[in-house]
Amino acid sequence: MTGPTHRIGRPLDADSARTRAQQAAVLGESAALRVLSALAAGVPARELPEVLFVSPERAEAALLALASVDLIHPDGTDGYALNGETWVRFGRLLVEPPRRRPAEDTASRRPAALPVAIESVARNLSYRFSSTFSPATVSRYVAESYLLLSERARVRTHLAALTARYAADRLDALASAQGLVLRDTPEVLFVCVQNAGRSQLAAAFLRHLAGDRVHVRTAGSAPATQVHPRIIAALDEVGVPVSDEYPKPLTDEVVQAADYVVTMGCGDACPVYPGRRYSDWDLPDPLDLDDDGMRQVRDEIRARIDALLTELGLDR
């Protein structure tokens, strides 16, 4: 019996294959790869020769080569910026891997015996992820997910089902972050404090507008117990569904899996990993505002999602 298979996307058409081959050829030249890496790290184009210890002529030639295959574009200030697709396709090639942080001592937090329903979740997910992770890894993530959710749960009726969803999403993210599955869509993570307001608004708009062309996740630095009813009502006013979303604690693997990370009011709670595009949207918490104020924040988030779609090349 074989394990579950993972969808890796559609085969490239001839034009897409030609474009990516040209991009790969340019990045096969070390100077171009280093220049792109420096731009990704925020080095201004004028400082490239000094930072990379190359001649101005070599830096300029690399910039022109990168621009010729649409990996970068002029940013309007005599410099260059990476295109949205470049971040998604090549972002993790451009930086040194992060140093591993000491593993969290989860064994001391795991209860002596998990509820029967949670043990059943672990068995089911072990089969689902049998081609990717060992049963021990799956069981550890299930136990961690159960603990994270149960610490905040007021009503425990659906805790097993939520644990299954949360653990599965974390394992999917881990597989993506470790390159165990290939992706054909960008991954975007929205993070706010409670994961009950701003991040849910943003995720709902992006899912509604982009559909399956993007993979959307949300998380909170101090998640609430449910998506706030006012947020659901505000989205319902503009015909955008929230479906069955729920607040989730922020964990490292969902950040590592993301190509784009958008934070909203959660300070430095979100860990920073190289090769991801980070943005901080300075928006007030709509739950602190009256209905008109909430609608203004909702509409501002919609406008920012439109801009993000353009950056990702998904506005067509």
C-alpha atoms as a PDB file:
ATOM      1  CA  MET A   1       0.000   0.000   0.000  1.00  0.00           C
ATOM      2  CA  THR A   2       1.437   3.343  -0.964  1.00  0.00           C
ATOM      3  CA  GLY A   3       1.173   6.515   1.091  1.00  0.00           C
ATOM      4  CA  PRO A   4      -0.751   9.617   0.068  1.00  0.00           C
ATOM      5  CA  THR A   5       0.527  11.593  -2.897  1.00  0.00           C
ATOM      6  CA  HIS A   6       1.060  15.341  -2.933  1.00  0.00           C
ATOM      7  CA  ARG A   7      -0.094  17.602  -5.732  1.00  0.00           C
ATOM      8  CA  ILE A   8       2.882  19.420  -7.245  1.00  0.00           C
ATOM      9  CA  GLY A   9       1.047  21.627  -9.722  1.00  0.00           C
ATOM     10  CA  ARG A  10       0.610  21.683 -13.479  1.00  0.00           C
ATOM     11  CA  PRO A  11       3.411  21.035 -15.980  1.00  0.00           C
ATOM     12  CA  LEU A  12       5.005  24.180 -17.387  1.00  0.00           C
ATOM     13  CA  ASP A  13       3.853  25.330 -20.791  1.00  0.00           C
ATOM     14  CA  ALA A  14       6.477  26.119 -23.412  1.00  0.00           C
ATOM     15  CA  ASP A  15       6.619  29.864 -22.750  1.00  0.00           C
ATOM     16  CA  SER A  16       6.847  29.467 -18.971  1.00  0.00           C
ATOM     17  CA  ALA A  17       9.567  26.822 -19.325  1.00  0.00           C
ATOM     18  CA  ARG A  18      11.552  29.096 -21.637  1.00  0.00           C
ATOM     19  CA  THR A  19      11.249  32.031 -19.224  1.00  0.00           C
ATOM     20  CA  ARG A  20      12.336  30.009 -16.199  1.00  0.00           C
ATOM     21  CA  ALA A  21      15.222  28.460 -18.103  1.00  0.00           C
ATOM     22  CA  GLN A  22      16.429  31.960 -19.009  1.00  0.00           C
ATOM     23  CA  GLN A  23      16.086  33.071 -15.385  1.00  0.00           C
ATOM     24  CA  ALA A  24      17.953  30.004 -14.154  1.00  0.00           C
ATOM     25  CA  ALA A  25      20.720  30.666 -16.668  1.00  0.00           C
ATOM     26  CA  VAL A  26      21.165  34.223 -15.398  1.00  0.00           C
ATOM     27  CA  LEU A  27      21.169  33.044 -11.779  1.00  0.00           C
ATOM     28  CA  GLY A  28      23.762  30.443 -12.717  1.00  0.00           C
ATOM     29  CA  GLU A  29      26.267  33.291 -12.876  1.00  0.00           C
ATOM     30  CA  SER A  30      27.472  33.900  -9.324  1.00  0.00           C
ATOM     31  CA  ALA A  31      27.659  37.694  -9.621  1.00  0.00           C
ATOM     32  CA  ALA A  32      24.007  37.911 -10.699  1.00  0.00           C
ATOM     33  CA  LEU A  33      22.913  35.613  -7.864  1.00  0.00           C
ATOM     34  CA  ARG A  34      24.875  37.673  -5.321  1.00  0.00           C
ATOM     35  CA  VAL A  35      23.422  40.931  -6.668  1.00  0.00           C
ATOM     36  CA  LEU A  36      19.888  39.547  -6.449  1.00  0.00           C
ATOM     37  CA  SER A  37      20.608  38.311  -2.924  1.00  0.00           C
ATOM     38  CA  ALA A  38      21.882  41.758  -1.904  1.00  0.00           C
ATOM     39  CA  LEU A  39      18.789  43.461  -3.344  1.00  0.00           C
ATOM     40  CA  ALA A  40      16.606  40.985  -1.424  1.00  0.00           C
ATOM     41  CA  ALA A  41      18.487  41.937   1.745  1.00  0.00           C
ATOM     42  CA  GLY A  42      17.721  45.627   1.165  1.00  0.00           C
ATOM     43  CA  VAL A  43      21.084  46.785  -0.189  1.00  0.00           C
ATOM     44  CA  PRO A  44      20.597  49.833  -2.477  1.00  0.00           C
ATOM     45  CA  ALA A  45      21.813  49.300  -6.032  1.00  0.00           C
ATOM     46  CA  ARG A  46      24.368  52.106  -5.699  1.00  0.00           C
ATOM     47  CA  GLU A  47      26.038  50.312  -2.778  1.00  0.00           C
ATOM     48  CA  LEU A  48      26.356  46.915  -4.491  1.00  0.00           C
ATOM     49  CA  PRO A  49      30.020  47.295  -5.558  1.00  0.00           C
ATOM     50  CA  GLU A  50      31.101  48.225  -2.028  1.00  0.00           C
ATOM     51  CA  VAL A  51      29.025  45.564  -0.272  1.00  0.00           C
ATOM     52  CA  LEU A  52      29.825  42.723  -2.681  1.00  0.00           C
ATOM     53  CA  PHE A  53      33.430  43.761  -3.456  1.00  0.00           C
ATOM     54  CA  VAL A  54      32.830  43.804  -7.208  1.00  0.00           C
ATOM     55  CA  SER A  55      33.492  46.451  -9.798  1.00  0.00           C
ATOM     56  CA  PRO A  56      30.700  48.929 -10.657  1.00  0.00           C
ATOM     57  CA  GLU A  57      30.739  47.571 -14.204  1.00  0.00           C
ATOM     58  CA  ARG A  58      30.172  43.998 -13.041  1.00  0.00           C
ATOM     59  CA  ALA A  59      27.382  45.063 -10.696  1.00  0.00           C
ATOM     60  CA  GLU A  60      25.686  47.036 -13.487  1.00  0.00           C
ATOM     61  CA  ALA A  61      25.988  44.108 -15.894  1.00  0.00           C
ATOM     62  CA  ALA A  62      24.376  41.806 -13.333  1.00  0.00           C
ATOM     63  CA  LEU A  63      21.522  44.263 -12.772  1.00  0.00           C
ATOM     64  CA  LEU A  64      20.863  44.498 -16.499  1.00  0.00           C
ATOM     65  CA  ALA A  65      20.921  40.706 -16.839  1.00  0.00           C
ATOM     66  CA  LEU A  66      18.479  40.272 -13.964  1.00  0.00           C
ATOM     67  CA  ALA A  67      16.155  42.926 -15.387  1.00  0.00           C
ATOM     68  CA  SER A  68      16.289  41.362 -18.858  1.00  0.00           C
ATOM     69  CA  VAL A  69      14.622  38.182 -17.555  1.00  0.00           C
ATOM     70  CA  ASP A  70      12.099  40.026 -15.341  1.00  0.00           C
ATOM     71  CA  LEU A  71      13.627  39.077 -11.997  1.00  0.00           C
ATOM     72  CA  ILE A  72      13.874  42.720 -10.929  1.00  0.00           C
ATOM     73  CA  HIS A  73      12.345  46.024 -11.993  1.00  0.00           C
ATOM     74  CA  PRO A  74      13.267  49.697 -11.517  1.00  0.00           C
ATOM     75  CA  ASP A  75      11.845  50.961  -8.231  1.00  0.00           C
ATOM     76  CA  GLY A  76      11.450  54.591  -9.301  1.00  0.00           C
ATOM     77  CA  THR A  77      14.367  55.839  -7.172  1.00  0.00           C
ATOM     78  CA  ASP A  78      17.300  54.957  -9.457  1.00  0.00           C
ATOM     79  CA  GLY A  79      17.354  51.505  -7.877  1.00  0.00           C
ATOM     80  CA  TYR A  80      15.859  48.070  -8.385  1.00  0.00           C
ATOM     81  CA  ALA A  81      13.418  45.840  -6.516  1.00  0.00           C
ATOM     82  CA  LEU A  82      12.543  42.164  -6.778  1.00  0.00           C
ATOM     83  CA  ASN A  83       9.338  41.260  -8.561  1.00  0.00           C
ATOM     84  CA  GLY A  84       6.647  39.434  -6.627  1.00  0.00           C
ATOM     85  CA  GLU A  85       7.160  36.205  -8.575  1.00  0.00           C
ATOM     86  CA  THR A  86      10.894  36.399  -7.897  1.00  0.00           C
ATOM     87  CA  TRP A  87      10.255  36.366  -4.153  1.00  0.00           C
ATOM     88  CA  VAL A  88       7.993  33.352  -4.479  1.00  0.00           C
ATOM     89  CA  ARG A  89      10.145  31.382  -6.902  1.00  0.00           C
ATOM     90  CA  PHE A  90      13.670  32.135  -5.747  1.00  0.00           C
ATOM     91  CA  GLY A  91      13.463  33.914  -2.373  1.00  0.00           C
ATOM     92  CA  ARG A  92      14.855  31.032  -0.354  1.00  0.00           C
ATOM     93  CA  LEU A  93      17.866  30.640  -2.637  1.00  0.00           C
ATOM     94  CA  LEU A  94      19.047  34.155  -1.901  1.00  0.00           C
ATOM     95  CA  VAL A  95      20.071  34.032   1.725  1.00  0.00           C
ATOM     96  CA  GLU A  96      22.076  32.008   4.175  1.00  0.00           C
ATOM     97  CA  PRO A  97      19.906  29.464   6.031  1.00  0.00           C
ATOM     98  CA  PRO A  98      18.982  30.525   9.567  1.00  0.00           C
ATOM     99  CA  ARG A  99      20.776  28.998  12.473  1.00  0.00           C
ATOM    100  CA  ARG A 100      18.618  26.396  14.122  1.00  0.00           C
ATOM    101  CA  ARG A 101      17.110  27.557  17.354  1.00  0.00           C
ATOM    102  CA  PRO A 102      17.242  25.191  20.315  1.00  0.00           C
ATOM    103  CA  ALA A 103      14.282  22.852  20.178  1.00  0.00           C
ATOM    104  CA  GLU A 104      11.485  23.698  22.561  1.00  0.00           C
ATOM    105  CA  ASP A 105      11.184  21.248  25.415  1.00  0.00           C
ATOM    106  CA  THR A 106       7.772  20.002  24.434  1.00  0.00           C
ATOM    107  CA  ALA A 107       8.136  16.709  26.262  1.00  0.00           C
ATOM    108  CA  SER A 108       7.721  18.458  29.596  1.00  0.00           C
ATOM    109  CA  ARG A 109       4.489  20.032  28.383  1.00  0.00           C
ATOM    110  CA  ARG A 110       2.925  16.909  26.937  1.00  0.00           C
ATOM    111  CA  PRO A 111       0.367  15.323  29.252  1.00  0.00           C
ATOM    112  CA  ALA A 112       1.008  11.791  30.445  1.00  0.00           C
ATOM    113  CA  ALA A 113      -1.942  10.549  28.378  1.00  0.00           C
ATOM    114  CA  LEU A 114      -3.751  12.303  25.577  1.00  0.00           C
ATOM    115  CA  PRO A 115      -7.524  11.994  25.244  1.00  0.00           C
ATOM    116  CA  VAL A 116      -8.663   9.046  23.162  1.00  0.00           C
ATOM    117  CA  ALA A 117     -10.012  11.380  20.456  1.00  0.00           C
ATOM    118  CA  ILE A 118      -6.631  13.118  20.131  1.00  0.00           C
ATOM    119  CA  GLU A 119      -4.782   9.814  19.933  1.00  0.00           C
ATOM    120  CA  SER A 120      -7.171   8.927  17.099  1.00  0.00           C
ATOM    121  CA  VAL A 121      -6.276  12.189  15.372  1.00  0.00           C
ATOM    122  CA  ALA A 122      -2.588  11.282  15.617  1.00  0.00           C
ATOM    123  CA  ARG A 123      -3.199   7.857  14.049  1.00  0.00           C
ATOM    124  CA  ASN A 124      -5.229   9.310  11.186  1.00  0.00           C
ATOM    125  CA  LEU A 125      -2.674  12.025  10.441  1.00  0.00           C
ATOM    126  CA  SER A 126       0.199   9.530  10.683  1.00  0.00           C
ATOM    127  CA  TYR A 127      -1.390   7.652   7.800  1.00  0.00           C
ATOM    128  CA  ARG A 128      -2.110  10.825   5.843  1.00  0.00           C
ATOM    129  CA  PHE A 129       1.490  12.050   6.181  1.00  0.00           C
ATOM    130  CA  SER A 130       3.141   8.619   6.062  1.00  0.00           C
ATOM    131  CA  SER A 131       5.121   9.486   2.924  1.00  0.00           C
ATOM    132  CA  THR A 132       6.422  12.691   4.489  1.00  0.00           C
ATOM    133  CA  PHE A 133       6.892  12.360   8.258  1.00  0.00           C
ATOM    134  CA  SER A 134       7.451   9.620  10.802  1.00  0.00           C
ATOM    135  CA  PRO A 135       4.614   8.694  13.178  1.00  0.00           C
ATOM    136  CA  ALA A 136       6.672  10.160  16.038  1.00  0.00           C
ATOM    137  CA  THR A 137       6.863  13.546  14.325  1.00  0.00           C
ATOM    138  CA  VAL A 138       3.155  13.529  13.549  1.00  0.00           C
ATOM    139  CA  SER A 139       2.267  12.548  17.095  1.00  0.00           C
ATOM    140  CA  ARG A 140       4.462  15.314  18.500  1.00  0.00           C
ATOM    141  CA  TYR A 141       2.760  17.943  16.322  1.00  0.00           C
ATOM    142  CA  VAL A 142      -0.674  16.642  17.234  1.00  0.00           C
ATOM    143  CA  ALA A 143       0.149  16.771  20.947  1.00  0.00           C
ATOM    144  CA  GLU A 144       1.605  20.303  20.641  1.00  0.00           C
ATOM    145  CA  SER A 145      -1.397  21.482  18.642  1.00  0.00           C
ATOM    146  CA  TYR A 146      -3.810  20.027  21.172  1.00  0.00           C
ATOM    147  CA  LEU A 147      -1.983  21.767  24.021  1.00  0.00           C
ATOM    148  CA  LEU A 148      -1.859  25.103  22.209  1.00  0.00           C
ATOM    149  CA  LEU A 149      -5.572  25.021  21.441  1.00  0.00           C
ATOM    150  CA  SER A 150      -6.748  23.570  24.741  1.00  0.00           C
ATOM    151  CA  GLU A 151      -4.991  26.308  26.708  1.00  0.00           C
ATOM    152  CA  ARG A 152      -7.404  28.812  25.162  1.00  0.00           C
ATOM    153  CA  ALA A 153     -10.532  26.741  24.585  1.00  0.00           C
ATOM    154  CA  ARG A 154     -13.664  27.770  26.435  1.00  0.00           C
ATOM    155  CA  VAL A 155     -15.809  25.078  24.865  1.00  0.00           C
ATOM    156  CA  ARG A 156     -14.122  21.742  24.272  1.00  0.00           C
ATOM    157  CA  THR A 157     -16.859  20.104  22.187  1.00  0.00           C
ATOM    158  CA  HIS A 158     -15.020  20.569  18.881  1.00  0.00           C
ATOM    159  CA  LEU A 159     -11.480  20.515  20.231  1.00  0.00           C
ATOM    160  CA  ALA A 160     -10.554  17.218  18.580  1.00  0.00           C
ATOM    161  CA  ALA A 161     -11.737  18.404  15.166  1.00  0.00           C
ATOM    162  CA  LEU A 162      -9.884  21.710  15.546  1.00  0.00           C
ATOM    163  CA  THR A 163      -6.754  19.874  16.663  1.00  0.00           C
ATOM    164  CA  ALA A 164      -6.913  17.710  13.548  1.00  0.00           C
ATOM    165  CA  ARG A 165      -7.216  20.759  11.291  1.00  0.00           C
ATOM    166  CA  TYR A 166      -4.555  22.742  13.103  1.00  0.00           C
ATOM    167  CA  ALA A 167      -2.029  19.902  13.268  1.00  0.00           C
ATOM    168  CA  ALA A 168      -2.605  19.019   9.605  1.00  0.00           C
ATOM    169  CA  ASP A 169      -2.053  22.620   8.541  1.00  0.00           C
ATOM    170  CA  ARG A 170       1.138  22.817  10.614  1.00  0.00           C
ATOM    171  CA  LEU A 171       2.423  19.579   9.087  1.00  0.00           C
ATOM    172  CA  ASP A 172       1.575  20.837   5.587  1.00  0.00           C
ATOM    173  CA  ALA A 173       3.515  24.015   6.390  1.00  0.00           C
ATOM    174  CA  LEU A 174       6.457  22.015   7.742  1.00  0.00           C
ATOM    175  CA  ALA A 175       6.584  19.887   4.590  1.00  0.00           C
ATOM    176  CA  SER A 176       6.544  23.021   2.461  1.00  0.00           C
ATOM    177  CA  ALA A 177       9.197  24.765   4.558  1.00  0.00           C
ATOM    178  CA  GLN A 178      11.502  21.749   4.348  1.00  0.00           C
ATOM    179  CA  GLY A 179      11.018  21.366   0.593  1.00  0.00           C
ATOM    180  CA  LEU A 180       9.375  17.962   0.947  1.00  0.00           C
ATOM    181  CA  VAL A 181       6.518  19.043  -1.319  1.00  0.00           C
ATOM    182  CA  LEU A 182       6.657  21.306  -4.344  1.00  0.00           C
ATOM    183  CA  ARG A 183       4.310  24.267  -4.646  1.00  0.00           C
ATOM    184  CA  ASP A 184       2.808  25.972  -7.647  1.00  0.00           C
ATOM    185  CA  THR A 185       1.196  28.824  -5.712  1.00  0.00           C
ATOM    186  CA  PRO A 186       2.601  31.557  -3.447  1.00  0.00           C
ATOM    187  CA  GLU A 187       1.967  31.196   0.288  1.00  0.00           C
ATOM    188  CA  VAL A 188       0.856  34.251   2.277  1.00  0.00           C
ATOM    189  CA  LEU A 189       0.643  34.449   6.065  1.00  0.00           C
ATOM    190  CA  PHE A 190      -1.335  37.167   7.875  1.00  0.00           C
ATOM    191  CA  VAL A 191      -0.527  37.714  11.554  1.00  0.00           C
ATOM    192  CA  CYS A 192      -2.236  39.978  14.096  1.00  0.00           C
ATOM    193  CA  VAL A 193      -2.604  39.820  17.858  1.00  0.00           C
ATOM    194  CA  GLN A 194      -5.851  37.896  18.318  1.00  0.00           C
ATOM    195  CA  ASN A 195      -6.201  36.403  14.829  1.00  0.00           C
ATOM    196  CA  ALA A 196      -9.842  37.373  15.174  1.00  0.00           C
ATOM    197  CA  GLY A 197      -9.931  40.697  13.317  1.00  0.00           C
ATOM    198  CA  ARG A 198      -7.418  42.240  10.910  1.00  0.00           C
ATOM    199  CA  SER A 199      -5.717  39.030   9.816  1.00  0.00           C
ATOM    200  CA  GLN A 200      -9.072  37.360   9.209  1.00  0.00           C
ATOM    201  CA  LEU A 201     -10.274  40.323   7.146  1.00  0.00           C
ATOM    202  CA  ALA A 202      -7.140  40.192   4.998  1.00  0.00           C
ATOM    203  CA  ALA A 203      -7.246  36.422   4.568  1.00  0.00           C
ATOM    204  CA  ALA A 204     -10.924  36.441   3.651  1.00  0.00           C
ATOM    205  CA  PHE A 205     -10.404  39.094   0.955  1.00  0.00           C
ATOM    206  CA  LEU A 206      -7.350  37.340  -0.491  1.00  0.00           C
ATOM    207  CA  ARG A 207      -9.085  33.946  -0.620  1.00  0.00           C
ATOM    208  CA  HIS A 208     -12.180  35.538  -2.132  1.00  0.00           C
ATOM    209  CA  LEU A 209     -10.278  37.415  -4.834  1.00  0.00           C
ATOM    210  CA  ALA A 210      -7.491  34.945  -5.655  1.00  0.00           C
ATOM    211  CA  GLY A 211      -9.171  31.591  -5.032  1.00  0.00           C
ATOM    212  CA  ASP A 212      -6.833  28.629  -5.373  1.00  0.00           C
ATOM    213  CA  ARG A 213      -4.107  30.750  -7.006  1.00  0.00           C
ATOM    214  CA  VAL A 214      -2.682  31.491  -3.561  1.00  0.00           C
ATOM    215  CA  HIS A 215      -2.402  29.558  -0.287  1.00  0.00           C
ATOM    216  CA  VAL A 216      -3.463  31.705   2.660  1.00  0.00           C
ATOM    217  CA  ARG A 217      -2.739  31.141   6.342  1.00  0.00           C
ATOM    218  CA  THR A 218      -3.442  33.231   9.442  1.00  0.00           C
ATOM    219  CA  ALA A 219      -2.149  33.206  13.002  1.00  0.00           C
ATOM    220  CA  GLY A 220      -2.147  35.300  16.157  1.00  0.00           C
ATOM    221  CA  SER A 221       0.473  36.196  18.744  1.00  0.00           C
ATOM    222  CA  ALA A 222      -2.224  35.936  21.441  1.00  0.00           C
ATOM    223  CA  PRO A 223      -5.189  34.308  19.666  1.00  0.00           C
ATOM    224  CA  ALA A 224      -8.770  34.735  20.770  1.00  0.00           C
ATOM    225  CA  THR A 225     -11.232  31.879  21.061  1.00  0.00           C
ATOM    226  CA  GLN A 226     -13.182  32.692  17.881  1.00  0.00           C
ATOM    227  CA  VAL A 227     -13.321  35.042  14.921  1.00  0.00           C
ATOM    228  CA  HIS A 228     -15.187  38.074  16.237  1.00  0.00           C
ATOM    229  CA  PRO A 229     -18.838  38.244  15.111  1.00  0.00           C
ATOM    230  CA  ARG A 230     -18.396  41.905  14.108  1.00  0.00           C
ATOM    231  CA  ILE A 231     -15.691  40.872  11.643  1.00  0.00           C
ATOM    232  CA  ILE A 232     -17.965  38.217  10.168  1.00  0.00           C
ATOM    233  CA  ALA A 233     -20.758  40.791   9.853  1.00  0.00           C
ATOM    234  CA  ALA A 234     -18.454  43.369   8.232  1.00  0.00           C
ATOM    235  CA  LEU A 235     -17.365  40.842   5.622  1.00  0.00           C
ATOM    236  CA  ASP A 236     -20.922  39.670   5.066  1.00  0.00           C
ATOM    237  CA  GLU A 237     -21.846  43.266   4.176  1.00  0.00           C
ATOM    238  CA  VAL A 238     -19.547  43.076   1.135  1.00  0.00           C
ATOM    239  CA  GLY A 239     -20.359  39.487   0.222  1.00  0.00           C
ATOM    240  CA  VAL A 240     -17.104  37.896   1.400  1.00  0.00           C
ATOM    241  CA  PRO A 241     -17.364  34.600   3.301  1.00  0.00           C
ATOM    242  CA  VAL A 242     -15.247  33.712   6.335  1.00  0.00           C
ATOM    243  CA  SER A 243     -16.224  30.029   6.082  1.00  0.00           C
ATOM    244  CA  ASP A 244     -15.165  28.067   9.169  1.00  0.00           C
ATOM    245  CA  GLU A 245     -11.991  29.939  10.093  1.00  0.00           C
ATOM    246  CA  TYR A 246     -10.780  30.006  13.681  1.00  0.00           C
ATOM    247  CA  PRO A 247      -7.940  31.789  15.564  1.00  0.00           C
ATOM    248  CA  LYS A 248      -4.663  29.865  15.631  1.00  0.00           C
ATOM    249  CA  PRO A 249      -1.476  30.372  17.676  1.00  0.00           C
ATOM    250  CA  LEU A 250       1.552  31.536  15.710  1.00  0.00           C
ATOM    251  CA  THR A 251       4.177  28.816  15.235  1.00  0.00           C
ATOM    252  CA  ASP A 252       7.529  28.840  13.455  1.00  0.00           C
ATOM    253  CA  GLU A 253       6.763  26.406  10.654  1.00  0.00           C
ATOM    254  CA  VAL A 254       3.937  28.518   9.192  1.00  0.00           C
ATOM    255  CA  VAL A 255       6.341  31.473   8.995  1.00  0.00           C
ATOM    256  CA  GLN A 256       9.020  29.316   7.390  1.00  0.00           C
ATOM    257  CA  ALA A 257       6.495  28.048   4.820  1.00  0.00           C
ATOM    258  CA  ALA A 258       5.340  31.525   3.806  1.00  0.00           C
ATOM    259  CA  ASP A 259       6.652  33.512   0.862  1.00  0.00           C
ATOM    260  CA  TYR A 260       4.943  36.683   2.089  1.00  0.00           C
ATOM    261  CA  VAL A 261       4.380  37.488   5.765  1.00  0.00           C
ATOM    262  CA  VAL A 262       2.082  40.410   6.623  1.00  0.00           C
ATOM    263  CA  THR A 263       1.953  41.520  10.251  1.00  0.00           C
ATOM    264  CA  MET A 264      -0.619  43.853  11.760  1.00  0.00           C
ATOM    265  CA  GLY A 265      -0.055  45.198  15.250  1.00  0.00           C
ATOM    266  CA  CYS A 266       1.756  42.213  16.738  1.00  0.00           C
ATOM    267  CA  GLY A 267       5.130  43.884  17.193  1.00  0.00           C
ATOM    268  CA  ASP A 268       8.134  41.560  17.064  1.00  0.00           C
ATOM    269  CA  ALA A 269       6.176  38.432  17.963  1.00  0.00           C
ATOM    270  CA  CYS A 270       6.623  37.038  14.445  1.00  0.00           C
ATOM    271  CA  PRO A 271       9.995  35.320  13.944  1.00  0.00           C
ATOM    272  CA  VAL A 272      12.035  36.536  10.981  1.00  0.00           C
ATOM    273  CA  TYR A 273      13.462  33.999   8.563  1.00  0.00           C
ATOM    274  CA  PRO A 274      15.549  34.887   5.507  1.00  0.00           C
ATOM    275  CA  GLY A 275      14.042  34.544   2.054  1.00  0.00           C
ATOM    276  CA  ARG A 276      10.555  35.733   2.997  1.00  0.00           C
ATOM    277  CA  ARG A 277       9.007  39.055   2.106  1.00  0.00           C
ATOM    278  CA  TYR A 278       7.839  40.845   5.269  1.00  0.00           C
ATOM    279  CA  SER A 279       5.385  43.741   5.422  1.00  0.00           C
ATOM    280  CA  ASP A 280       3.858  45.474   8.420  1.00  0.00           C
ATOM    281  CA  TRP A 281       0.464  47.042   7.842  1.00  0.00           C
ATOM    282  CA  ASP A 282      -0.010  49.829  10.361  1.00  0.00           C
ATOM    283  CA  LEU A 283      -3.756  49.589  10.907  1.00  0.00           C
ATOM    284  CA  PRO A 284      -5.855  50.177  14.024  1.00  0.00           C
ATOM    285  CA  ASP A 285      -7.608  47.219  15.581  1.00  0.00           C
ATOM    286  CA  PRO A 286     -11.117  47.357  14.063  1.00  0.00           C
ATOM    287  CA  LEU A 287     -12.537  45.754  17.195  1.00  0.00           C
ATOM    288  CA  ASP A 288     -11.591  48.912  19.113  1.00  0.00           C
ATOM    289  CA  LEU A 289     -13.615  51.074  16.700  1.00  0.00           C
ATOM    290  CA  ASP A 290     -17.280  51.767  16.088  1.00  0.00           C
ATOM    291  CA  ASP A 291     -19.006  50.278  13.050  1.00  0.00           C
ATOM    292  CA  ASP A 292     -18.005  53.118  10.708  1.00  0.00           C
ATOM    293  CA  GLY A 293     -14.409  52.867  11.869  1.00  0.00           C
ATOM    294  CA  MET A 294     -14.434  49.121  11.352  1.00  0.00           C
ATOM    295  CA  ARG A 295     -15.725  49.575   7.810  1.00  0.00           C
ATOM    296  CA  GLN A 296     -12.896  52.019   7.089  1.00  0.00           C
ATOM    297  CA  VAL A 297     -10.299  49.496   8.246  1.00  0.00           C
ATOM    298  CA  ARG A 298     -12.066  46.751   6.275  1.00  0.00           C
ATOM    299  CA  ASP A 299     -11.971  48.839   3.099  1.00  0.00           C
ATOM    300  CA  GLU A 300      -8.332  49.819   3.657  1.00  0.00           C
ATOM    301  CA  ILE A 301      -7.423  46.145   3.987  1.00  0.00           C
ATOM    302  CA  ARG A 302      -9.306  45.404   0.762  1.00  0.00           C
ATOM    303  CA  ALA A 303      -7.256  48.099  -1.016  1.00  0.00           C
ATOM    304  CA  ARG A 304      -4.020  46.637   0.325  1.00  0.00           C
ATOM    305  CA  ILE A 305      -5.047  43.165  -0.799  1.00  0.00           C
ATOM    306  CA  ASP A 306      -5.614  44.558  -4.302  1.00  0.00           C
ATOM    307  CA  ALA A 307      -2.063  45.946  -4.236  1.00  0.00           C
ATOM    308  CA  LEU A 308      -0.713  42.616  -2.968  1.00  0.00           C
ATOM    309  CA  LEU A 309      -2.472  40.781  -5.792  1.00  0.00           C
ATOM    310  CA  THR A 310      -0.749  43.099  -8.262  1.00  0.00           C
ATOM    311  CA  GLU A 311       2.620  42.458  -6.627  1.00  0.00           C
ATOM    312  CA  LEU A 312       2.037  38.709  -6.800  1.00  0.00           C
ATOM    313  CA  GLY A 313       0.978  38.957 -10.430  1.00  0.00           C
ATOM    314  CA  LEU A 314      -2.478  37.625  -9.576  1.00  0.00           C
ATOM    315  CA  ASP A 315      -4.552  40.658 -10.551  1.00  0.00           C
ATOM    316  CA  ARG A 316      -5.205  39.318 -14.019  1.00  0.00           C
END
